[in-house]
Structure formats: structure tokens, C-alpha cells
Amino acid sequence: MSLTLERIFEAKNRIAPYTTRTPLIRLEKLDEHLGCQVYLKAECMQITGAFKLRGAVNKIRMLTPEQLSCWIS
């Protein structure tokens, strides 16, 4: 299964109700040092404190009803 822009947007829509929209923070000191614009995606602002929530929610939302019935947490 290849990664496409369409699949990225599908995943974004699947996880949107369960995740916090986190800001991009410009790191101007690094901009100057590297000669390009550098941004930090502040995933530490997710309820879990990490980006891992996105992948986990996406995977769970892709499970079939049969697969969900066997889910153990």
C-alpha cells in the first residue's frame, strides 16, 4: 500500500475528532543558523503528550467491526 496525498487526507479526517490540532512554532534562531525556515510541530500538546496518538487512533479507526469485537486493551 503506497502513501498518497489522498490517503494522508483520509487519515487526517479519521483522526480529527480524537486529536488536538497542534501549532507549528517557528524557530527563528535555527532559521538564522541554517539559512532556511525551521518549524517545530508541537505534538507535546496532544492529550497523551506525544504524536503517537495519531497513529494509534488511525489504526483503530481502520479496523473492521469484526476486528474491533476481538480488541483487548
PDB file of N, CA and C in Angstrom:
ATOM      1  N   MET A   1       0.844  -1.167   0.000  1.00  0.00           N
ATOM      2  CA  MET A   1       0.000   0.000   0.000  1.00  0.00           C
ATOM      3  C   MET A   1       0.898   1.242   0.000  1.00  0.00           C
ATOM      4  N   SER A   2       0.785   2.049  -1.030  1.00  0.00           N
ATOM      5  CA  SER A   2       1.660   3.216  -1.152  1.00  0.00           C
ATOM      6  C   SER A   2       1.028   4.449  -0.495  1.00  0.00           C
ATOM      7  N   LEU A   3       1.882   5.344  -0.090  1.00  0.00           N
ATOM      8  CA  LEU A   3       1.449   6.579   0.548  1.00  0.00           C
ATOM      9  C   LEU A   3       1.104   7.597  -0.529  1.00  0.00           C
ATOM     10  N   THR A   4      -0.106   8.106  -0.476  1.00  0.00           N
ATOM     11  CA  THR A   4      -0.546   9.125  -1.423  1.00  0.00           C
ATOM     12  C   THR A   4      -1.128  10.301  -0.640  1.00  0.00           C
ATOM     13  N   LEU A   5      -1.240  11.430  -1.305  1.00  0.00           N
ATOM     14  CA  LEU A   5      -1.839  12.603  -0.674  1.00  0.00           C
ATOM     15  C   LEU A   5      -3.282  12.305  -0.262  1.00  0.00           C
ATOM     16  N   GLU A   6      -3.985  11.552  -1.078  1.00  0.00           N
ATOM     17  CA  GLU A   6      -5.371  11.178  -0.762  1.00  0.00           C
ATOM     18  C   GLU A   6      -5.437  10.368   0.538  1.00  0.00           C
ATOM     19  N   ARG A   7      -4.533   9.420   0.706  1.00  0.00           N
ATOM     20  CA  ARG A   7      -4.517   8.593   1.920  1.00  0.00           C
ATOM     21  C   ARG A   7      -4.154   9.426   3.151  1.00  0.00           C
ATOM     22  N   ILE A   8      -3.291  10.414   2.968  1.00  0.00           N
ATOM     23  CA  ILE A   8      -2.937  11.308   4.079  1.00  0.00           C
ATOM     24  C   ILE A   8      -4.164  12.091   4.535  1.00  0.00           C
ATOM     25  N   PHE A   9      -4.933  12.630   3.588  1.00  0.00           N
ATOM     26  CA  PHE A   9      -6.134  13.387   3.942  1.00  0.00           C
ATOM     27  C   PHE A   9      -7.203  12.487   4.550  1.00  0.00           C
ATOM     28  N   GLU A  10      -7.309  11.242   4.081  1.00  0.00           N
ATOM     29  CA  GLU A  10      -8.255  10.298   4.680  1.00  0.00           C
ATOM     30  C   GLU A  10      -7.899  10.052   6.145  1.00  0.00           C
ATOM     31  N   ALA A  11      -6.616   9.852   6.418  1.00  0.00           N
ATOM     32  CA  ALA A  11      -6.165   9.635   7.798  1.00  0.00           C
ATOM     33  C   ALA A  11      -6.433  10.876   8.648  1.00  0.00           C
ATOM     34  N   LYS A  12      -6.162  12.034   8.094  1.00  0.00           N
ATOM     35  CA  LYS A  12      -6.407  13.295   8.817  1.00  0.00           C
ATOM     36  C   LYS A  12      -7.870  13.392   9.233  1.00  0.00           C
ATOM     37  N   ASN A  13      -8.770  13.056   8.320  1.00  0.00           N
ATOM     38  CA  ASN A  13     -10.198  13.122   8.621  1.00  0.00           C
ATOM     39  C   ASN A  13     -10.621  12.068   9.639  1.00  0.00           C
ATOM     40  N   ARG A  14      -9.998  10.887   9.586  1.00  0.00           N
ATOM     41  CA  ARG A  14     -10.324   9.823  10.539  1.00  0.00           C
ATOM     42  C   ARG A  14      -9.947  10.202  11.968  1.00  0.00           C
ATOM     43  N   ILE A  15      -8.805  10.847  12.139  1.00  0.00           N
ATOM     44  CA  ILE A  15      -8.308  11.121  13.493  1.00  0.00           C
ATOM     45  C   ILE A  15      -8.755  12.474  14.049  1.00  0.00           C
ATOM     46  N   ALA A  16      -9.269  13.351  13.204  1.00  0.00           N
ATOM     47  CA  ALA A  16      -9.604  14.720  13.627  1.00  0.00           C
ATOM     48  C   ALA A  16     -10.471  14.798  14.881  1.00  0.00           C
ATOM     49  N   PRO A  17     -11.520  13.969  15.024  1.00  0.00           N
ATOM     50  CA  PRO A  17     -12.355  14.090  16.227  1.00  0.00           C
ATOM     51  C   PRO A  17     -11.653  13.669  17.521  1.00  0.00           C
ATOM     52  N   TYR A  18     -10.535  12.981  17.410  1.00  0.00           N
ATOM     53  CA  TYR A  18      -9.880  12.389  18.577  1.00  0.00           C
ATOM     54  C   TYR A  18      -8.556  13.054  18.949  1.00  0.00           C
ATOM     55  N   THR A  19      -8.103  13.983  18.135  1.00  0.00           N
ATOM     56  CA  THR A  19      -6.806  14.603  18.364  1.00  0.00           C
ATOM     57  C   THR A  19      -6.947  16.118  18.491  1.00  0.00           C
ATOM     58  N   THR A  20      -5.943  16.717  19.070  1.00  0.00           N
ATOM     59  CA  THR A  20      -5.882  18.166  19.215  1.00  0.00           C
ATOM     60  C   THR A  20      -5.086  18.729  18.045  1.00  0.00           C
ATOM     61  N   ARG A  21      -5.568  19.815  17.480  1.00  0.00           N
ATOM     62  CA  ARG A  21      -4.797  20.477  16.426  1.00  0.00           C
ATOM     63  C   ARG A  21      -3.651  21.229  17.096  1.00  0.00           C
ATOM     64  N   THR A  22      -2.432  20.820  16.793  1.00  0.00           N
ATOM     65  CA  THR A  22      -1.261  21.397  17.457  1.00  0.00           C
ATOM     66  C   THR A  22      -0.595  22.440  16.566  1.00  0.00           C
ATOM     67  N   PRO A  23       0.012  23.452  17.178  1.00  0.00           N
ATOM     68  CA  PRO A  23       0.593  24.542  16.390  1.00  0.00           C
ATOM     69  C   PRO A  23       1.962  24.200  15.802  1.00  0.00           C
ATOM     70  N   LEU A  24       2.295  24.932  14.757  1.00  0.00           N
ATOM     71  CA  LEU A  24       3.658  24.959  14.234  1.00  0.00           C
ATOM     72  C   LEU A  24       4.332  26.169  14.864  1.00  0.00           C
ATOM     73  N   ILE A  25       5.508  25.971  15.403  1.00  0.00           N
ATOM     74  CA  ILE A  25       6.238  27.060  16.050  1.00  0.00           C
ATOM     75  C   ILE A  25       7.507  27.332  15.256  1.00  0.00           C
ATOM     76  N   ARG A  26       7.652  28.570  14.823  1.00  0.00           N
ATOM     77  CA  ARG A  26       8.835  28.963  14.047  1.00  0.00           C
ATOM     78  C   ARG A  26      10.035  29.095  14.968  1.00  0.00           C
ATOM     79  N   LEU A  27      11.149  28.506  14.576  1.00  0.00           N
ATOM     80  CA  LEU A  27      12.386  28.564  15.361  1.00  0.00           C
ATOM     81  C   LEU A  27      13.365  29.499  14.660  1.00  0.00           C
ATOM     82  N   GLU A  28      13.206  30.788  14.918  1.00  0.00           N
ATOM     83  CA  GLU A  28      13.950  31.809  14.188  1.00  0.00           C
ATOM     84  C   GLU A  28      15.457  31.716  14.391  1.00  0.00           C
ATOM     85  N   LYS A  29      15.902  31.335  15.567  1.00  0.00           N
ATOM     86  CA  LYS A  29      17.352  31.198  15.803  1.00  0.00           C
ATOM     87  C   LYS A  29      17.939  30.110  14.906  1.00  0.00           C
ATOM     88  N   LEU A  30      17.210  29.010  14.738  1.00  0.00           N
ATOM     89  CA  LEU A  30      17.680  27.959  13.828  1.00  0.00           C
ATOM     90  C   LEU A  30      17.588  28.412  12.376  1.00  0.00           C
ATOM     91  N   ASP A  31      16.568  29.213  12.052  1.00  0.00           N
ATOM     92  CA  ASP A  31      16.464  29.787  10.703  1.00  0.00           C
ATOM     93  C   ASP A  31      17.771  30.485  10.338  1.00  0.00           C
ATOM     94  N   GLU A  32      18.216  31.349  11.253  1.00  0.00           N
ATOM     95  CA  GLU A  32      19.435  32.125  11.016  1.00  0.00           C
ATOM     96  C   GLU A  32      20.648  31.210  10.874  1.00  0.00           C
ATOM     97  N   HIS A  33      20.731  30.228  11.720  1.00  0.00           N
ATOM     98  CA  HIS A  33      21.882  29.314  11.728  1.00  0.00           C
ATOM     99  C   HIS A  33      21.922  28.430  10.478  1.00  0.00           C
ATOM    100  N   LEU A  34      20.756  27.956  10.042  1.00  0.00           N
ATOM    101  CA  LEU A  34      20.705  27.010   8.921  1.00  0.00           C
ATOM    102  C   LEU A  34      20.435  27.669   7.573  1.00  0.00           C
ATOM    103  N   GLY A  35      19.978  28.916   7.603  1.00  0.00           N
ATOM    104  CA  GLY A  35      19.695  29.613   6.353  1.00  0.00           C
ATOM    105  C   GLY A  35      18.398  29.177   5.693  1.00  0.00           C
ATOM    106  N   CYS A  36      17.469  28.663   6.483  1.00  0.00           N
ATOM    107  CA  CYS A  36      16.156  28.269   5.965  1.00  0.00           C
ATOM    108  C   CYS A  36      15.141  28.371   7.101  1.00  0.00           C
ATOM    109  N   GLN A  37      13.863  28.294   6.757  1.00  0.00           N
ATOM    110  CA  GLN A  37      12.829  28.374   7.783  1.00  0.00           C
ATOM    111  C   GLN A  37      12.679  27.016   8.467  1.00  0.00           C
ATOM    112  N   VAL A  38      12.709  27.027   9.802  1.00  0.00           N
ATOM    113  CA  VAL A  38      12.589  25.800  10.586  1.00  0.00           C
ATOM    114  C   VAL A  38      11.362  25.927  11.488  1.00  0.00           C
ATOM    115  N   TYR A  39      10.527  24.894  11.473  1.00  0.00           N
ATOM    116  CA  TYR A  39       9.326  24.870  12.295  1.00  0.00           C
ATOM    117  C   TYR A  39       9.329  23.632  13.181  1.00  0.00           C
ATOM    118  N   LEU A  40       8.729  23.768  14.335  1.00  0.00           N
ATOM    119  CA  LEU A  40       8.548  22.669  15.268  1.00  0.00           C
ATOM    120  C   LEU A  40       7.053  22.390  15.358  1.00  0.00           C
ATOM    121  N   LYS A  41       6.644  21.150  15.154  1.00  0.00           N
ATOM    122  CA  LYS A  41       5.241  20.761  15.319  1.00  0.00           C
ATOM    123  C   LYS A  41       5.070  20.333  16.769  1.00  0.00           C
ATOM    124  N   ALA A  42       4.298  21.075  17.532  1.00  0.00           N
ATOM    125  CA  ALA A  42       4.209  20.896  18.987  1.00  0.00           C
ATOM    126  C   ALA A  42       3.261  19.760  19.374  1.00  0.00           C
ATOM    127  N   GLU A  43       3.640  18.531  19.042  1.00  0.00           N
ATOM    128  CA  GLU A  43       2.818  17.367  19.362  1.00  0.00           C
ATOM    129  C   GLU A  43       2.783  17.075  20.856  1.00  0.00           C
ATOM    130  N   CYS A  44       3.661  17.718  21.615  1.00  0.00           N
ATOM    131  CA  CYS A  44       3.627  17.568  23.075  1.00  0.00           C
ATOM    132  C   CYS A  44       2.329  18.135  23.650  1.00  0.00           C
ATOM    133  N   MET A  45       1.554  18.838  22.831  1.00  0.00           N
ATOM    134  CA  MET A  45       0.293  19.412  23.285  1.00  0.00           C
ATOM    135  C   MET A  45      -0.885  18.450  23.102  1.00  0.00           C
ATOM    136  N   GLN A  46      -0.633  17.253  22.534  1.00  0.00           N
ATOM    137  CA  GLN A  46      -1.679  16.231  22.462  1.00  0.00           C
ATOM    138  C   GLN A  46      -2.014  15.780  23.877  1.00  0.00           C
ATOM    139  N   ILE A  47      -3.200  15.239  24.073  1.00  0.00           N
ATOM    140  CA  ILE A  47      -3.605  14.779  25.405  1.00  0.00           C
ATOM    141  C   ILE A  47      -2.637  13.734  25.958  1.00  0.00           C
ATOM    142  N   THR A  48      -2.004  12.957  25.076  1.00  0.00           N
ATOM    143  CA  THR A  48      -1.039  11.938  25.501  1.00  0.00           C
ATOM    144  C   THR A  48       0.363  12.503  25.648  1.00  0.00           C
ATOM    145  N   GLY A  49       0.575  13.727  25.177  1.00  0.00           N
ATOM    146  CA  GLY A  49       1.897  14.343  25.249  1.00  0.00           C
ATOM    147  C   GLY A  49       2.836  13.908  24.144  1.00  0.00           C
ATOM    148  N   ALA A  50       2.305  13.203  23.131  1.00  0.00           N
ATOM    149  CA  ALA A  50       3.164  12.699  22.058  1.00  0.00           C
ATOM    150  C   ALA A  50       2.368  12.541  20.765  1.00  0.00           C
ATOM    151  N   PHE A  51       3.085  12.426  19.656  1.00  0.00           N
ATOM    152  CA  PHE A  51       2.462  12.252  18.349  1.00  0.00           C
ATOM    153  C   PHE A  51       1.869  10.859  18.175  1.00  0.00           C
ATOM    154  N   LYS A  52       2.240   9.906  19.015  1.00  0.00           N
ATOM    155  CA  LYS A  52       1.847   8.503  18.852  1.00  0.00           C
ATOM    156  C   LYS A  52       0.336   8.316  18.834  1.00  0.00           C
ATOM    157  N   LEU A  53      -0.400   9.232  19.451  1.00  0.00           N
ATOM    158  CA  LEU A  53      -1.857   9.158  19.451  1.00  0.00           C
ATOM    159  C   LEU A  53      -2.394   9.126  18.028  1.00  0.00           C
ATOM    160  N   ARG A  54      -1.808   9.894  17.135  1.00  0.00           N
ATOM    161  CA  ARG A  54      -2.302   9.972  15.760  1.00  0.00           C
ATOM    162  C   ARG A  54      -2.281   8.605  15.075  1.00  0.00           C
ATOM    163  N   GLY A  55      -1.159   7.915  15.151  1.00  0.00           N
ATOM    164  CA  GLY A  55      -1.043   6.605  14.510  1.00  0.00           C
ATOM    165  C   GLY A  55      -1.941   5.565  15.142  1.00  0.00           C
ATOM    166  N   ALA A  56      -2.035   5.589  16.466  1.00  0.00           N
ATOM    167  CA  ALA A  56      -2.871   4.615  17.168  1.00  0.00           C
ATOM    168  C   ALA A  56      -4.345   4.807  16.825  1.00  0.00           C
ATOM    169  N   VAL A  57      -4.814   6.042  16.855  1.00  0.00           N
ATOM    170  CA  VAL A  57      -6.213   6.321  16.526  1.00  0.00           C
ATOM    171  C   VAL A  57      -6.492   5.954  15.075  1.00  0.00           C
ATOM    172  N   ASN A  58      -5.598   6.298  14.181  1.00  0.00           N
ATOM    173  CA  ASN A  58      -5.800   5.982  12.774  1.00  0.00           C
ATOM    174  C   ASN A  58      -5.933   4.474  12.574  1.00  0.00           C
ATOM    175  N   LYS A  59      -5.071   3.701  13.202  1.00  0.00           N
ATOM    176  CA  LYS A  59      -5.112   2.240  13.068  1.00  0.00           C
ATOM    177  C   LYS A  59      -6.419   1.675  13.614  1.00  0.00           C
ATOM    178  N   ILE A  60      -6.822   2.128  14.791  1.00  0.00           N
ATOM    179  CA  ILE A  60      -8.065   1.635  15.396  1.00  0.00           C
ATOM    180  C   ILE A  60      -9.265   1.978  14.530  1.00  0.00           C
ATOM    181  N   ARG A  61      -9.300   3.197  13.992  1.00  0.00           N
ATOM    182  CA  ARG A  61     -10.437   3.629  13.163  1.00  0.00           C
ATOM    183  C   ARG A  61     -10.510   2.867  11.842  1.00  0.00           C
ATOM    184  N   MET A  62      -9.431   2.215  11.442  1.00  0.00           N
ATOM    185  CA  MET A  62      -9.418   1.444  10.196  1.00  0.00           C
ATOM    186  C   MET A  62      -9.835  -0.017  10.410  1.00  0.00           C
ATOM    187  N   LEU A  63      -9.995  -0.443  11.667  1.00  0.00           N
ATOM    188  CA  LEU A  63     -10.372  -1.826  11.940  1.00  0.00           C
ATOM    189  C   LEU A  63     -11.818  -2.090  11.531  1.00  0.00           C
ATOM    190  N   THR A  64     -12.081  -3.316  11.101  1.00  0.00           N
ATOM    191  CA  THR A  64     -13.448  -3.723  10.764  1.00  0.00           C
ATOM    192  C   THR A  64     -14.213  -3.987  12.057  1.00  0.00           C
ATOM    193  N   PRO A  65     -15.554  -4.025  11.994  1.00  0.00           N
ATOM    194  CA  PRO A  65     -16.322  -4.359  13.199  1.00  0.00           C
ATOM    195  C   PRO A  65     -15.904  -5.710  13.797  1.00  0.00           C
ATOM    196  N   GLU A  66     -15.602  -6.673  12.950  1.00  0.00           N
ATOM    197  CA  GLU A  66     -15.158  -7.983  13.439  1.00  0.00           C
ATOM    198  C   GLU A  66     -13.831  -7.862  14.197  1.00  0.00           C
ATOM    199  N   GLN A  67     -12.911  -7.102  13.642  1.00  0.00           N
ATOM    200  CA  GLN A  67     -11.627  -6.903  14.313  1.00  0.00           C
ATOM    201  C   GLN A  67     -11.805  -6.165  15.639  1.00  0.00           C
ATOM    202  N   LEU A  68     -12.704  -5.191  15.660  1.00  0.00           N
ATOM    203  CA  LEU A  68     -12.958  -4.441  16.892  1.00  0.00           C
ATOM    204  C   LEU A  68     -13.564  -5.324  17.978  1.00  0.00           C
ATOM    205  N   SER A  69     -14.369  -6.308  17.578  1.00  0.00           N
ATOM    206  CA  SER A  69     -15.003  -7.184  18.572  1.00  0.00           C
ATOM    207  C   SER A  69     -13.978  -8.055  19.290  1.00  0.00           C
ATOM    208  N   CYS A  70     -12.806  -8.217  18.708  1.00  0.00           N
ATOM    209  CA  CYS A  70     -11.740  -9.020  19.316  1.00  0.00           C
ATOM    210  C   CYS A  70     -10.727  -8.164  20.053  1.00  0.00           C
ATOM    211  N   TRP A  71     -10.963  -6.876  20.126  1.00  0.00           N
ATOM    212  CA  TRP A  71      -9.999  -5.929  20.688  1.00  0.00           C
ATOM    213  C   TRP A  71      -9.816  -6.153  22.180  1.00  0.00           C
ATOM    214  N   ILE A  72      -8.580  -6.181  22.617  1.00  0.00           N
ATOM    215  CA  ILE A  72      -8.248  -6.281  24.035  1.00  0.00           C
ATOM    216  C   ILE A  72      -7.414  -5.062  24.385  1.00  0.00           C
ATOM    217  N   SER A  73      -7.781  -4.369  25.456  1.00  0.00           N
ATOM    218  CA  SER A  73      -6.991  -3.198  25.849  1.00  0.00           C
ATOM    219  C   SER A  73      -6.331  -3.418  27.182  1.00  0.00           C
TER     220      SER A  73
END
